[in-house]
């Protein structure tokens, strides 16, 4: 049986919308490099780019 990891040992990122830190989750294992938001709510409230920039 694999050894348990403590939550403090997991990698963390900062949410691009709210600025709060969030920890790695098993469901994000394959796409961790692409995860930018801590929740669906922050993802839907993300700041949109100005019309001139894209």
C-alpha atoms as a PDB file:
ATOM      1  CA  UNK A   1       0.000   0.000   0.000  1.00  0.00           C
ATOM      2  CA  UNK A   2       1.427   3.440  -0.927  1.00  0.00           C
ATOM      3  CA  UNK A   3       2.467   5.796   1.808  1.00  0.00           C
ATOM      4  CA  UNK A   4       0.004   8.592   2.596  1.00  0.00           C
ATOM      5  CA  UNK A   5       0.998  12.156   1.731  1.00  0.00           C
ATOM      6  CA  UNK A   6       0.180  15.077   3.953  1.00  0.00           C
ATOM      7  CA  UNK A   7      -1.693  17.989   2.429  1.00  0.00           C
ATOM      8  CA  UNK A   8       1.201  20.250   3.413  1.00  0.00           C
ATOM      9  CA  UNK A   9       3.488  18.162   1.168  1.00  0.00           C
ATOM     10  CA  UNK A  10       1.330  18.657  -1.948  1.00  0.00           C
ATOM     11  CA  UNK A  11       2.193  21.330  -4.521  1.00  0.00           C
ATOM     12  CA  UNK A  12       0.276  24.610  -4.364  1.00  0.00           C
ATOM     13  CA  UNK A  13      -0.670  27.361  -6.803  1.00  0.00           C
ATOM     14  CA  UNK A  14      -2.290  30.768  -6.463  1.00  0.00           C
ATOM     15  CA  UNK A  15      -5.696  31.344  -8.054  1.00  0.00           C
ATOM     16  CA  UNK A  16      -5.557  33.807 -10.966  1.00  0.00           C
ATOM     17  CA  UNK A  17      -8.897  35.379  -9.949  1.00  0.00           C
ATOM     18  CA  UNK A  18      -9.075  35.555  -6.152  1.00  0.00           C
ATOM     19  CA  UNK A  19      -5.375  35.233  -5.315  1.00  0.00           C
ATOM     20  CA  UNK A  20      -5.880  32.490  -2.711  1.00  0.00           C
ATOM     21  CA  UNK A  21      -3.562  29.488  -2.593  1.00  0.00           C
ATOM     22  CA  UNK A  22      -4.980  26.086  -3.487  1.00  0.00           C
ATOM     23  CA  UNK A  23      -3.467  22.615  -3.295  1.00  0.00           C
ATOM     24  CA  UNK A  24      -3.090  19.830  -5.841  1.00  0.00           C
ATOM     25  CA  UNK A  25      -6.042  17.457  -6.228  1.00  0.00           C
ATOM     26  CA  UNK A  26      -6.048  13.945  -7.611  1.00  0.00           C
ATOM     27  CA  UNK A  27      -8.531  14.897 -10.353  1.00  0.00           C
ATOM     28  CA  UNK A  28      -6.008  17.503 -11.582  1.00  0.00           C
ATOM     29  CA  UNK A  29      -3.121  14.999 -11.766  1.00  0.00           C
ATOM     30  CA  UNK A  30      -2.933  14.916 -15.578  1.00  0.00           C
ATOM     31  CA  UNK A  31      -3.597  18.637 -16.163  1.00  0.00           C
ATOM     32  CA  UNK A  32      -1.884  20.286 -13.169  1.00  0.00           C
ATOM     33  CA  UNK A  33       0.203  22.547 -15.431  1.00  0.00           C
ATOM     34  CA  UNK A  34      -2.988  23.932 -17.009  1.00  0.00           C
ATOM     35  CA  UNK A  35      -4.952  24.560 -13.780  1.00  0.00           C
ATOM     36  CA  UNK A  36      -5.219  28.304 -13.047  1.00  0.00           C
ATOM     37  CA  UNK A  37      -8.342  28.695 -10.908  1.00  0.00           C
ATOM     38  CA  UNK A  38      -9.254  27.259  -7.500  1.00  0.00           C
ATOM     39  CA  UNK A  39     -12.928  26.682  -8.336  1.00  0.00           C
ATOM     40  CA  UNK A  40     -15.577  26.849 -11.048  1.00  0.00           C
ATOM     41  CA  UNK A  41     -16.830  30.080  -9.484  1.00  0.00           C
ATOM     42  CA  UNK A  42     -13.444  31.781  -9.930  1.00  0.00           C
ATOM     43  CA  UNK A  43     -13.193  30.385 -13.447  1.00  0.00           C
ATOM     44  CA  UNK A  44     -16.560  31.913 -14.390  1.00  0.00           C
ATOM     45  CA  UNK A  45     -15.679  35.265 -12.745  1.00  0.00           C
ATOM     46  CA  UNK A  46     -12.237  35.551 -14.342  1.00  0.00           C
ATOM     47  CA  UNK A  47     -11.163  38.913 -15.586  1.00  0.00           C
ATOM     48  CA  UNK A  48     -11.587  39.269 -19.327  1.00  0.00           C
ATOM     49  CA  UNK A  49      -8.883  40.846 -21.469  1.00  0.00           C
ATOM     50  CA  UNK A  50      -9.524  44.374 -22.800  1.00  0.00           C
ATOM     51  CA  UNK A  51     -10.951  44.506 -26.341  1.00  0.00           C
ATOM     52  CA  UNK A  52      -7.644  45.676 -27.844  1.00  0.00           C
ATOM     53  CA  UNK A  53      -5.547  42.837 -26.418  1.00  0.00           C
ATOM     54  CA  UNK A  54      -5.859  39.185 -27.440  1.00  0.00           C
END
